[in-house]
Protein backbone atom coordinates (compact mmCIF):
# COMPACT_ATOMS: atom_id res chain seq x y z
CA MET A 1 94.62 111.82 103.16
CA LEU A 2 94.10 112.50 106.59
CA ALA A 3 91.21 110.67 106.67
CA LEU A 4 93.11 107.62 105.90
CA LYS A 5 95.35 108.49 108.72
CA ILE A 6 92.57 108.66 111.03
CA MET A 7 91.46 105.17 110.01
CA ALA A 8 94.92 103.50 110.50
CA VAL A 9 94.85 105.33 113.98
CA LEU A 10 91.85 103.79 114.94
CA LEU A 11 92.43 100.44 113.84
CA ILE A 12 95.60 100.61 115.49
CA SER A 13 94.03 101.52 119.11
CA VAL A 14 91.23 98.97 118.07
CA SER A 15 93.79 96.27 117.59
CA VAL A 16 95.69 96.85 120.60
CA GLY A 17 92.31 97.10 122.45
CA ILE A 18 91.94 93.26 121.23
CA LEU A 19 95.31 92.19 121.64
CA TYR A 20 94.79 93.51 125.59
CA ARG A 21 91.56 91.62 125.83
CA ILE A 22 89.59 94.57 126.31
CA PRO A 23 85.94 94.04 126.45
CA ARG A 24 84.26 94.76 122.93
CA ARG A 25 81.82 97.32 124.42
CA LEU A 26 84.81 99.55 125.66
CA LEU A 27 86.71 99.23 122.56
CA ILE A 28 85.11 102.38 120.51
CA TYR A 29 86.11 104.28 123.77
CA VAL A 30 89.54 102.87 123.53
CA SER A 31 89.70 104.17 119.68
CA PHE A 32 88.21 107.67 120.46
CA VAL A 33 90.91 108.21 122.91
CA GLY A 34 93.84 107.23 120.39
CA VAL A 35 92.37 108.95 117.73
CA VAL A 36 92.18 112.21 119.55
CA ALA A 37 95.71 112.00 121.06
CA TRP A 38 97.18 111.41 117.43
CA LEU A 39 94.86 114.48 116.21
CA ILE A 40 96.28 116.35 118.94
CA MET A 41 99.75 115.35 118.10
CA TYR A 42 99.69 115.75 114.23
CA ASN A 43 97.85 119.26 114.51
CA THR A 44 100.64 120.59 117.16
CA MET A 45 103.29 119.52 114.76
CA ARG A 46 101.67 120.92 111.54
CA LEU A 47 101.19 124.32 113.91
CA GLY A 48 104.78 124.07 114.15
CA GLY A 49 105.56 122.46 117.44
CA SER A 50 108.14 120.22 117.95
CA GLY A 51 107.56 116.03 118.37
CA ILE A 52 108.26 116.26 121.72
CA LEU A 53 106.11 119.02 122.74
CA ALA A 54 103.25 117.37 120.51
CA ASP A 55 103.76 114.15 122.02
CA PHE A 56 103.76 115.60 125.76
CA LEU A 57 99.91 117.42 125.09
CA ALA A 58 98.65 114.36 122.99
CA SER A 59 99.81 112.11 126.30
CA VAL A 60 98.24 114.77 128.33
CA ALA A 61 95.53 114.44 126.54
CA VAL A 62 95.23 110.70 126.78
CA GLY A 63 95.69 110.60 130.64
CA ILE A 64 92.94 113.05 131.14
CA MET A 65 90.52 111.40 128.86
CA SER A 66 91.67 107.90 130.39
CA GLU A 67 90.63 109.49 133.91
CA ILE A 68 87.36 110.53 132.70
CA LEU A 69 86.39 107.41 131.22
CA ALA A 70 87.29 105.49 134.03
CA ARG A 71 85.36 107.21 136.35
CA VAL A 72 82.11 107.35 133.96
CA LEU A 73 82.56 103.68 133.07
CA LYS A 74 84.09 102.46 136.23
CA LYS A 75 86.64 100.74 134.75
CA PRO A 76 90.19 101.11 135.18
CA ALA A 77 91.83 103.82 133.72
CA THR A 78 94.59 101.77 132.32
CA ILE A 79 92.24 99.92 129.96
CA PHE A 80 92.19 103.60 128.14
CA ILE A 81 95.64 104.37 128.31
CA ILE A 82 97.43 101.87 126.77
CA PRO A 83 95.74 101.47 123.46
CA GLY A 84 95.68 105.46 123.59
CA PHE A 85 99.43 106.14 123.54
CA ILE A 86 100.67 103.47 121.38
CA PRO A 87 99.75 105.94 118.57
CA LEU A 88 102.13 108.16 119.82
CA VAL A 89 105.48 105.71 120.32
CA PRO A 90 107.85 106.61 118.41
CA GLY A 91 108.70 103.30 116.59
CA GLY A 92 110.06 104.67 113.60
CA ASP A 93 112.25 106.71 115.34
CA ALA A 94 113.80 103.58 117.07
CA TYR A 95 113.92 101.57 113.99
CA MET A 96 115.97 104.77 112.65
CA THR A 97 118.42 104.96 115.33
CA MET A 98 119.28 101.19 114.84
CA LEU A 99 119.64 101.39 111.16
CA TYR A 100 122.36 104.19 112.22
CA MET A 101 123.66 102.16 114.33
CA VAL A 102 123.87 99.27 112.32
CA GLU A 103 125.41 100.96 109.28
CA GLY A 104 127.67 103.15 111.21
CA HIS A 105 126.21 106.58 111.31
CA TYR A 106 127.27 106.89 114.91
CA VAL A 107 126.55 110.45 115.33
CA ASP A 108 122.98 110.17 113.37
CA GLY A 109 122.40 107.52 115.54
CA VAL A 110 123.03 109.05 118.28
CA ALA A 111 121.04 112.27 117.65
CA LYS A 112 117.69 110.01 116.77
CA GLY A 113 118.14 107.73 119.77
CA MET A 114 118.42 110.98 121.92
CA GLN A 115 115.45 112.22 120.08
CA THR A 116 113.39 109.10 120.92
CA ILE A 117 114.26 108.94 124.17
CA LEU A 118 113.17 112.26 124.71
CA THR A 119 109.99 111.91 122.96
CA ALA A 120 109.26 108.62 124.98
CA GLY A 121 109.86 110.59 128.22
CA ALA A 122 107.25 113.25 127.08
CA ILE A 123 104.85 110.59 126.60
CA ALA A 124 105.44 109.18 130.12
CA PHE A 125 105.55 112.37 132.02
CA GLY A 126 102.09 113.37 130.00
CA ILE A 127 100.51 110.71 131.14
CA PHE A 128 101.92 111.10 134.78
CA VAL A 129 101.19 114.63 134.99
CA SER A 130 97.61 114.32 133.95
CA SER A 131 96.91 111.04 136.36
CA THR A 132 98.72 113.19 139.33
CA ILE A 133 96.42 116.17 138.59
CA PHE A 134 93.08 114.19 138.45
CA GLN A 135 94.52 112.82 141.62
CA LEU A 136 95.10 115.82 143.53
CA ILE A 137 91.75 116.73 142.40
CA LYS A 138 89.58 113.71 144.23
CA ASN A 139 91.76 114.06 147.21
CA TYR A 140 91.01 117.70 147.41
CA ASN A 141 86.97 116.77 146.59
CA LEU A 142 87.38 114.06 149.51
CA GLU A 143 89.03 116.25 151.77
CA SER A 144 86.35 118.81 151.48
CA ARG A 145 83.41 116.56 151.73
CA TRP A 146 85.26 115.08 155.05
CA GLN A 147 85.25 118.55 156.49
CA ASP A 148 81.63 119.38 155.29
CA VAL A 149 80.70 115.90 157.01
CA ARG A 150 82.89 116.85 160.47
CA LYS A 151 80.85 120.51 160.59
CA SER A 152 77.60 119.11 160.51
């Protein structure tokens, strides 16, 4: 069953990559980012973590992997971020929020809507944190190199 879910996530990531016209030779990397992120989310939830924590950790992984692949392959990190976080998006929760609201179950709809918003925020914040950390490391390395050049 897990293998089937992994294949589905792989196909989702590749499909989004194709939709955004990512070059064919990069689709394997895009799918790798999506699958690893989903596995982190899946295992965090399986070990008892909340969905919000699971999505945050997975999105941090998406950001880190995207920044590394961007440096190695000399491509923009966005190419890897967008298809990588798509498997994490709480589409089912958003659907349930609307369904509860339409059916008149407002309390359930607000609760599910709040969970959806927090999950989406955790995904965005995780990518922001990882990208910021990478930029800080990059700037620190450039600054220390600049100081080394001035000393010579």
